[in-house]
Amino acid sequence: MNAHKAATLQWVMLLVLTAVTVGLSELGMSGRAVIFPVLAATLVKGRIVIDRFMALQGIAGPWRWLVLGWLVVVLGSITYAFR
C-alpha cells in the first residue's frame, strides 16, 4: 500500500471512530457503559495521530514512547476518575 493510500485509510478511520463516539453520545449513553468504548476509540485515534500525522512511527528513542506514555497516562486518569 502506498503512503498516500495508507494516510487516506487512516484519516477515514479517524472519521469513523469520531462518528462512533458522537453517535454514542447522541444515543444518550453515558457513564460506565460508554466510557470504555470511547476511551478505546480515543486510544486508537491517538495512536494514529502520534504515529502517522506526527510522524513518530519510525522514530527511535524516547520521543515516541514519551508521547504514547502521555496518552496512556491521560486515558488512565480518566478511567480512574470514572471508576
PDB file of N, CA and C in Angstrom:
ATOM      1  N   MET A   1       0.855  -1.172   0.000  1.00  0.00           N
ATOM      2  CA  MET A   1       0.000   0.000   0.000  1.00  0.00           C
ATOM      3  C   MET A   1       0.903   1.237   0.000  1.00  0.00           C
ATOM      4  N   ASN A   2       0.627   2.149  -0.903  1.00  0.00           N
ATOM      5  CA  ASN A   2       1.472   3.343  -0.953  1.00  0.00           C
ATOM      6  C   ASN A   2       1.129   4.296   0.194  1.00  0.00           C
ATOM      7  N   ALA A   3       1.997   5.262   0.403  1.00  0.00           N
ATOM      8  CA  ALA A   3       1.864   6.165   1.550  1.00  0.00           C
ATOM      9  C   ALA A   3       0.592   7.003   1.470  1.00  0.00           C
ATOM     10  N   HIS A   4       0.232   7.425   0.274  1.00  0.00           N
ATOM     11  CA  HIS A   4      -0.973   8.251   0.116  1.00  0.00           C
ATOM     12  C   HIS A   4      -2.229   7.461   0.478  1.00  0.00           C
ATOM     13  N   LYS A   5      -2.292   6.228   0.017  1.00  0.00           N
ATOM     14  CA  LYS A   5      -3.455   5.390   0.302  1.00  0.00           C
ATOM     15  C   LYS A   5      -3.526   5.050   1.793  1.00  0.00           C
ATOM     16  N   ALA A   6      -2.383   4.796   2.413  1.00  0.00           N
ATOM     17  CA  ALA A   6      -2.351   4.489   3.848  1.00  0.00           C
ATOM     18  C   ALA A   6      -2.813   5.691   4.667  1.00  0.00           C
ATOM     19  N   ALA A   7      -2.356   6.880   4.300  1.00  0.00           N
ATOM     20  CA  ALA A   7      -2.769   8.090   5.018  1.00  0.00           C
ATOM     21  C   ALA A   7      -4.268   8.327   4.864  1.00  0.00           C
ATOM     22  N   THR A   8      -4.787   8.083   3.678  1.00  0.00           N
ATOM     23  CA  THR A   8      -6.220   8.249   3.447  1.00  0.00           C
ATOM     24  C   THR A   8      -7.024   7.252   4.276  1.00  0.00           C
ATOM     25  N   LEU A   9      -6.577   6.014   4.324  1.00  0.00           N
ATOM     26  CA  LEU A   9      -7.257   4.996   5.120  1.00  0.00           C
ATOM     27  C   LEU A   9      -7.248   5.366   6.603  1.00  0.00           C
ATOM     28  N   GLN A  10      -6.129   5.840   7.089  1.00  0.00           N
ATOM     29  CA  GLN A  10      -6.053   6.223   8.496  1.00  0.00           C
ATOM     30  C   GLN A  10      -6.916   7.446   8.787  1.00  0.00           C
ATOM     31  N   TRP A  11      -6.993   8.368   7.857  1.00  0.00           N
ATOM     32  CA  TRP A  11      -7.855   9.533   8.026  1.00  0.00           C
ATOM     33  C   TRP A  11      -9.322   9.102   8.085  1.00  0.00           C
ATOM     34  N   VAL A  12      -9.701   8.158   7.224  1.00  0.00           N
ATOM     35  CA  VAL A  12     -11.070   7.641   7.240  1.00  0.00           C
ATOM     36  C   VAL A  12     -11.347   6.927   8.567  1.00  0.00           C
ATOM     37  N   MET A  13     -10.369   6.200   9.080  1.00  0.00           N
ATOM     38  CA  MET A  13     -10.537   5.546  10.379  1.00  0.00           C
ATOM     39  C   MET A  13     -10.773   6.576  11.478  1.00  0.00           C
ATOM     40  N   LEU A  14     -10.061   7.695  11.424  1.00  0.00           N
ATOM     41  CA  LEU A  14     -10.285   8.764  12.398  1.00  0.00           C
ATOM     42  C   LEU A  14     -11.709   9.302  12.301  1.00  0.00           C
ATOM     43  N   LEU A  15     -12.190   9.482  11.086  1.00  0.00           N
ATOM     44  CA  LEU A  15     -13.559   9.964  10.900  1.00  0.00           C
ATOM     45  C   LEU A  15     -14.583   8.970  11.433  1.00  0.00           C
ATOM     46  N   VAL A  16     -14.385   7.689  11.144  1.00  0.00           N
ATOM     47  CA  VAL A  16     -15.325   6.658  11.590  1.00  0.00           C
ATOM     48  C   VAL A  16     -15.339   6.567  13.113  1.00  0.00           C
ATOM     49  N   LEU A  17     -14.165   6.559  13.727  1.00  0.00           N
ATOM     50  CA  LEU A  17     -14.113   6.481  15.189  1.00  0.00           C
ATOM     51  C   LEU A  17     -14.742   7.711  15.836  1.00  0.00           C
ATOM     52  N   THR A  18     -14.549   8.863  15.236  1.00  0.00           N
ATOM     53  CA  THR A  18     -15.193  10.076  15.744  1.00  0.00           C
ATOM     54  C   THR A  18     -16.706   9.973  15.607  1.00  0.00           C
ATOM     55  N   ALA A  19     -17.169   9.471  14.477  1.00  0.00           N
ATOM     56  CA  ALA A  19     -18.614   9.309  14.269  1.00  0.00           C
ATOM     57  C   ALA A  19     -19.208   8.321  15.270  1.00  0.00           C
ATOM     58  N   VAL A  20     -18.480   7.266  15.581  1.00  0.00           N
ATOM     59  CA  VAL A  20     -18.970   6.284  16.558  1.00  0.00           C
ATOM     60  C   VAL A  20     -19.114   6.926  17.935  1.00  0.00           C
ATOM     61  N   THR A  21     -18.112   7.678  18.358  1.00  0.00           N
ATOM     62  CA  THR A  21     -18.194   8.300  19.685  1.00  0.00           C
ATOM     63  C   THR A  21     -19.289   9.363  19.742  1.00  0.00           C
ATOM     64  N   VAL A  22     -19.451  10.116  18.673  1.00  0.00           N
ATOM     65  CA  VAL A  22     -20.534  11.102  18.630  1.00  0.00           C
ATOM     66  C   VAL A  22     -21.882  10.386  18.621  1.00  0.00           C
ATOM     67  N   GLY A  23     -21.966   9.290  17.890  1.00  0.00           N
ATOM     68  CA  GLY A  23     -23.203   8.511  17.861  1.00  0.00           C
ATOM     69  C   GLY A  23     -23.580   7.981  19.232  1.00  0.00           C
ATOM     70  N   LEU A  24     -22.594   7.520  19.992  1.00  0.00           N
ATOM     71  CA  LEU A  24     -22.871   7.051  21.350  1.00  0.00           C
ATOM     72  C   LEU A  24     -23.419   8.180  22.219  1.00  0.00           C
ATOM     73  N   SER A  25     -22.863   9.363  22.055  1.00  0.00           N
ATOM     74  CA  SER A  25     -23.353  10.487  22.863  1.00  0.00           C
ATOM     75  C   SER A  25     -24.755  10.910  22.425  1.00  0.00           C
ATOM     76  N   GLU A  26     -25.033  10.831  21.142  1.00  0.00           N
ATOM     77  CA  GLU A  26     -26.361  11.204  20.646  1.00  0.00           C
ATOM     78  C   GLU A  26     -27.437  10.206  21.069  1.00  0.00           C
ATOM     79  N   LEU A  27     -27.031   8.975  21.341  1.00  0.00           N
ATOM     80  CA  LEU A  27     -27.984   7.974  21.822  1.00  0.00           C
ATOM     81  C   LEU A  27     -28.314   8.173  23.293  1.00  0.00           C
ATOM     82  N   GLY A  28     -27.630   9.106  23.917  1.00  0.00           N
ATOM     83  CA  GLY A  28     -27.881   9.388  25.320  1.00  0.00           C
ATOM     84  C   GLY A  28     -27.141   8.459  26.263  1.00  0.00           C
ATOM     85  N   MET A  29     -26.210   7.702  25.735  1.00  0.00           N
ATOM     86  CA  MET A  29     -25.445   6.792  26.582  1.00  0.00           C
ATOM     87  C   MET A  29     -24.443   7.594  27.403  1.00  0.00           C
ATOM     88  N   SER A  30     -24.272   7.201  28.645  1.00  0.00           N
ATOM     89  CA  SER A  30     -23.307   7.883  29.497  1.00  0.00           C
ATOM     90  C   SER A  30     -22.845   6.938  30.593  1.00  0.00           C
ATOM     91  N   GLY A  31     -21.872   7.377  31.336  1.00  0.00           N
ATOM     92  CA  GLY A  31     -21.384   6.602  32.467  1.00  0.00           C
ATOM     93  C   GLY A  31     -20.498   5.447  32.072  1.00  0.00           C
ATOM     94  N   ARG A  32     -20.511   4.433  32.911  1.00  0.00           N
ATOM     95  CA  ARG A  32     -19.611   3.298  32.727  1.00  0.00           C
ATOM     96  C   ARG A  32     -19.892   2.497  31.465  1.00  0.00           C
ATOM     97  N   ALA A  33     -21.124   2.509  31.009  1.00  0.00           N
ATOM     98  CA  ALA A  33     -21.473   1.728  29.821  1.00  0.00           C
ATOM     99  C   ALA A  33     -20.769   2.235  28.573  1.00  0.00           C
ATOM    100  N   VAL A  34     -20.421   3.490  28.562  1.00  0.00           N
ATOM    101  CA  VAL A  34     -19.864   4.077  27.352  1.00  0.00           C
ATOM    102  C   VAL A  34     -18.407   4.515  27.517  1.00  0.00           C
ATOM    103  N   ILE A  35     -17.914   4.599  28.736  1.00  0.00           N
ATOM    104  CA  ILE A  35     -16.580   5.157  28.944  1.00  0.00           C
ATOM    105  C   ILE A  35     -15.493   4.294  28.310  1.00  0.00           C
ATOM    106  N   PHE A  36     -15.592   2.985  28.421  1.00  0.00           N
ATOM    107  CA  PHE A  36     -14.537   2.138  27.874  1.00  0.00           C
ATOM    108  C   PHE A  36     -14.515   2.113  26.345  1.00  0.00           C
ATOM    109  N   PRO A  37     -15.656   2.028  25.657  1.00  0.00           N
ATOM    110  CA  PRO A  37     -15.598   2.131  24.193  1.00  0.00           C
ATOM    111  C   PRO A  37     -15.069   3.486  23.709  1.00  0.00           C
ATOM    112  N   VAL A  38     -15.456   4.547  24.392  1.00  0.00           N
ATOM    113  CA  VAL A  38     -14.983   5.878  23.995  1.00  0.00           C
ATOM    114  C   VAL A  38     -13.483   6.012  24.238  1.00  0.00           C
ATOM    115  N   LEU A  39     -13.008   5.533  25.380  1.00  0.00           N
ATOM    116  CA  LEU A  39     -11.574   5.612  25.658  1.00  0.00           C
ATOM    117  C   LEU A  39     -10.767   4.706  24.735  1.00  0.00           C
ATOM    118  N   ALA A  40     -11.315   3.558  24.375  1.00  0.00           N
ATOM    119  CA  ALA A  40     -10.628   2.681  23.421  1.00  0.00           C
ATOM    120  C   ALA A  40     -10.519   3.362  22.057  1.00  0.00           C
ATOM    121  N   ALA A  41     -11.601   3.997  21.626  1.00  0.00           N
ATOM    122  CA  ALA A  41     -11.564   4.731  20.360  1.00  0.00           C
ATOM    123  C   ALA A  41     -10.569   5.883  20.439  1.00  0.00           C
ATOM    124  N   THR A  42     -10.512   6.544  21.579  1.00  0.00           N
ATOM    125  CA  THR A  42      -9.565   7.640  21.766  1.00  0.00           C
ATOM    126  C   THR A  42      -8.131   7.142  21.727  1.00  0.00           C
ATOM    127  N   LEU A  43      -7.885   5.977  22.306  1.00  0.00           N
ATOM    128  CA  LEU A  43      -6.543   5.395  22.269  1.00  0.00           C
ATOM    129  C   LEU A  43      -6.125   5.076  20.835  1.00  0.00           C
ATOM    130  N   VAL A  44      -7.021   4.480  20.073  1.00  0.00           N
ATOM    131  CA  VAL A  44      -6.717   4.154  18.673  1.00  0.00           C
ATOM    132  C   VAL A  44      -6.493   5.436  17.873  1.00  0.00           C
ATOM    133  N   LYS A  45      -7.366   6.415  18.068  1.00  0.00           N
ATOM    134  CA  LYS A  45      -7.214   7.685  17.354  1.00  0.00           C
ATOM    135  C   LYS A  45      -5.906   8.379  17.734  1.00  0.00           C
ATOM    136  N   GLY A  46      -5.588   8.374  19.014  1.00  0.00           N
ATOM    137  CA  GLY A  46      -4.342   8.988  19.462  1.00  0.00           C
ATOM    138  C   GLY A  46      -3.129   8.303  18.873  1.00  0.00           C
ATOM    139  N   ARG A  47      -3.185   6.988  18.813  1.00  0.00           N
ATOM    140  CA  ARG A  47      -2.069   6.232  18.239  1.00  0.00           C
ATOM    141  C   ARG A  47      -1.890   6.550  16.754  1.00  0.00           C
ATOM    142  N   ILE A  48      -2.993   6.675  16.031  1.00  0.00           N
ATOM    143  CA  ILE A  48      -2.907   7.035  14.612  1.00  0.00           C
ATOM    144  C   ILE A  48      -2.294   8.421  14.453  1.00  0.00           C
ATOM    145  N   VAL A  49      -2.761   9.365  15.239  1.00  0.00           N
ATOM    146  CA  VAL A  49      -2.243  10.735  15.142  1.00  0.00           C
ATOM    147  C   VAL A  49      -0.762  10.777  15.505  1.00  0.00           C
ATOM    148  N   ILE A  50      -0.395  10.096  16.576  1.00  0.00           N
ATOM    149  CA  ILE A  50       1.001  10.100  17.015  1.00  0.00           C
ATOM    150  C   ILE A  50       1.899   9.440  15.977  1.00  0.00           C
ATOM    151  N   ASP A  51       1.508   8.268  15.513  1.00  0.00           N
ATOM    152  CA  ASP A  51       2.362   7.528  14.589  1.00  0.00           C
ATOM    153  C   ASP A  51       2.388   8.126  13.194  1.00  0.00           C
ATOM    154  N   ARG A  52       1.233   8.451  12.673  1.00  0.00           N
ATOM    155  CA  ARG A  52       1.160   8.856  11.272  1.00  0.00           C
ATOM    156  C   ARG A  52       1.317  10.365  11.082  1.00  0.00           C
ATOM    157  N   PHE A  53       0.491  11.128  11.749  1.00  0.00           N
ATOM    158  CA  PHE A  53       0.431  12.549  11.452  1.00  0.00           C
ATOM    159  C   PHE A  53       1.466  13.367  12.213  1.00  0.00           C
ATOM    160  N   MET A  54       1.966  12.836  13.331  1.00  0.00           N
ATOM    161  CA  MET A  54       3.100  13.472  13.999  1.00  0.00           C
ATOM    162  C   MET A  54       4.413  12.859  13.522  1.00  0.00           C
ATOM    163  N   ALA A  55       4.310  11.837  12.674  1.00  0.00           N
ATOM    164  CA  ALA A  55       5.462  11.171  12.042  1.00  0.00           C
ATOM    165  C   ALA A  55       6.430  10.586  13.063  1.00  0.00           C
ATOM    166  N   LEU A  56       5.902   9.992  14.125  1.00  0.00           N
ATOM    167  CA  LEU A  56       6.758   9.385  15.138  1.00  0.00           C
ATOM    168  C   LEU A  56       6.848   7.869  15.012  1.00  0.00           C
ATOM    169  N   GLN A  57       6.256   7.299  13.979  1.00  0.00           N
ATOM    170  CA  GLN A  57       6.227   5.847  13.846  1.00  0.00           C
ATOM    171  C   GLN A  57       7.625   5.255  13.686  1.00  0.00           C
ATOM    172  N   GLY A  58       8.457   5.854  12.910  1.00  0.00           N
ATOM    173  CA  GLY A  58       9.783   5.298  12.673  1.00  0.00           C
ATOM    174  C   GLY A  58      10.873   5.899  13.540  1.00  0.00           C
ATOM    175  N   ILE A  59      10.498   6.694  14.512  1.00  0.00           N
ATOM    176  CA  ILE A  59      11.478   7.383  15.342  1.00  0.00           C
ATOM    177  C   ILE A  59      11.976   6.457  16.443  1.00  0.00           C
ATOM    178  N   ALA A  60      13.280   6.342  16.534  1.00  0.00           N
ATOM    179  CA  ALA A  60      13.877   5.568  17.621  1.00  0.00           C
ATOM    180  C   ALA A  60      14.121   6.500  18.801  1.00  0.00           C
ATOM    181  N   GLY A  61      14.213   5.915  19.949  1.00  0.00           N
ATOM    182  CA  GLY A  61      14.489   6.732  21.117  1.00  0.00           C
ATOM    183  C   GLY A  61      13.249   7.040  21.919  1.00  0.00           C
ATOM    184  N   PRO A  62      13.376   7.949  22.846  1.00  0.00           N
ATOM    185  CA  PRO A  62      12.304   8.149  23.827  1.00  0.00           C
ATOM    186  C   PRO A  62      11.122   8.987  23.347  1.00  0.00           C
ATOM    187  N   TRP A  63      11.230   9.697  22.237  1.00  0.00           N
ATOM    188  CA  TRP A  63      10.171  10.642  21.873  1.00  0.00           C
ATOM    189  C   TRP A  63       8.840   9.967  21.614  1.00  0.00           C
ATOM    190  N   ARG A  64       8.855   8.918  20.848  1.00  0.00           N
ATOM    191  CA  ARG A  64       7.597   8.219  20.551  1.00  0.00           C
ATOM    192  C   ARG A  64       6.998   7.645  21.828  1.00  0.00           C
ATOM    193  N   TRP A  65       7.820   7.028  22.648  1.00  0.00           N
ATOM    194  CA  TRP A  65       7.319   6.409  23.875  1.00  0.00           C
ATOM    195  C   TRP A  65       6.874   7.449  24.888  1.00  0.00           C
ATOM    196  N   LEU A  66       7.506   8.597  24.871  1.00  0.00           N
ATOM    197  CA  LEU A  66       7.091   9.679  25.763  1.00  0.00           C
ATOM    198  C   LEU A  66       5.683  10.160  25.411  1.00  0.00           C
ATOM    199  N   VAL A  67       5.432  10.358  24.131  1.00  0.00           N
ATOM    200  CA  VAL A  67       4.113  10.834  23.697  1.00  0.00           C
ATOM    201  C   VAL A  67       3.053   9.749  23.902  1.00  0.00           C
ATOM    202  N   LEU A  68       3.379   8.501  23.557  1.00  0.00           N
ATOM    203  CA  LEU A  68       2.431   7.409  23.788  1.00  0.00           C
ATOM    204  C   LEU A  68       2.169   7.213  25.283  1.00  0.00           C
ATOM    205  N   GLY A  69       3.202   7.345  26.086  1.00  0.00           N
ATOM    206  CA  GLY A  69       3.042   7.236  27.535  1.00  0.00           C
ATOM    207  C   GLY A  69       2.135   8.317  28.086  1.00  0.00           C
ATOM    208  N   TRP A  70       2.285   9.533  27.559  1.00  0.00           N
ATOM    209  CA  TRP A  70       1.420  10.632  27.983  1.00  0.00           C
ATOM    210  C   TRP A  70      -0.041  10.306  27.667  1.00  0.00           C
ATOM    211  N   LEU A  71      -0.279   9.755  26.488  1.00  0.00           N
ATOM    212  CA  LEU A  71      -1.644   9.385  26.101  1.00  0.00           C
ATOM    213  C   LEU A  71      -2.210   8.336  27.055  1.00  0.00           C
ATOM    214  N   VAL A  72      -1.422   7.342  27.383  1.00  0.00           N
ATOM    215  CA  VAL A  72      -1.876   6.286  28.290  1.00  0.00           C
ATOM    216  C   VAL A  72      -2.141   6.850  29.684  1.00  0.00           C
ATOM    217  N   VAL A  73      -1.293   7.755  30.155  1.00  0.00           N
ATOM    218  CA  VAL A  73      -1.499   8.363  31.479  1.00  0.00           C
ATOM    219  C   VAL A  73      -2.796   9.172  31.507  1.00  0.00           C
ATOM    220  N   VAL A  74      -3.036   9.950  30.478  1.00  0.00           N
ATOM    221  CA  VAL A  74      -4.263  10.754  30.425  1.00  0.00           C
ATOM    222  C   VAL A  74      -5.495   9.850  30.394  1.00  0.00           C
ATOM    223  N   LEU A  75      -5.479   8.844  29.532  1.00  0.00           N
ATOM    224  CA  LEU A  75      -6.631   7.943  29.446  1.00  0.00           C
ATOM    225  C   LEU A  75      -6.793   7.129  30.728  1.00  0.00           C
ATOM    226  N   GLY A  76      -5.686   6.738  31.336  1.00  0.00           N
ATOM    227  CA  GLY A  76      -5.760   6.031  32.612  1.00  0.00           C
ATOM    228  C   GLY A  76      -6.338   6.903  33.711  1.00  0.00           C
ATOM    229  N   SER A  77      -5.980   8.174  33.716  1.00  0.00           N
ATOM    230  CA  SER A  77      -6.526   9.106  34.709  1.00  0.00           C
ATOM    231  C   SER A  77      -8.030   9.290  34.526  1.00  0.00           C
ATOM    232  N   ILE A  78      -8.462   9.371  33.297  1.00  0.00           N
ATOM    233  CA  ILE A  78      -9.896   9.498  33.023  1.00  0.00           C
ATOM    234  C   ILE A  78     -10.624   8.228  33.460  1.00  0.00           C
ATOM    235  N   THR A  79     -10.041   7.076  33.153  1.00  0.00           N
ATOM    236  CA  THR A  79     -10.641   5.810  33.572  1.00  0.00           C
ATOM    237  C   THR A  79     -10.746   5.739  35.089  1.00  0.00           C
ATOM    238  N   TYR A  80      -9.700   6.152  35.773  1.00  0.00           N
ATOM    239  CA  TYR A  80      -9.702   6.141  37.237  1.00  0.00           C
ATOM    240  C   TYR A  80     -10.772   7.083  37.794  1.00  0.00           C
ATOM    241  N   ALA A  81     -10.939   8.226  37.160  1.00  0.00           N
ATOM    242  CA  ALA A  81     -11.925   9.199  37.627  1.00  0.00           C
ATOM    243  C   ALA A  81     -13.356   8.684  37.471  1.00  0.00           C
ATOM    244  N   PHE A  82     -13.591   7.825  36.482  1.00  0.00           N
ATOM    245  CA  PHE A  82     -14.937   7.320  36.225  1.00  0.00           C
ATOM    246  C   PHE A  82     -15.186   5.925  36.777  1.00  0.00           C
ATOM    247  N   ARG A  83     -14.297   5.431  37.611  1.00  0.00           N
ATOM    248  CA  ARG A  83     -14.473   4.062  38.128  1.00  0.00           C
ATOM    249  C   ARG A  83     -15.588   3.966  39.122  1.00  0.00           C
TER     250      ARG A  83
END
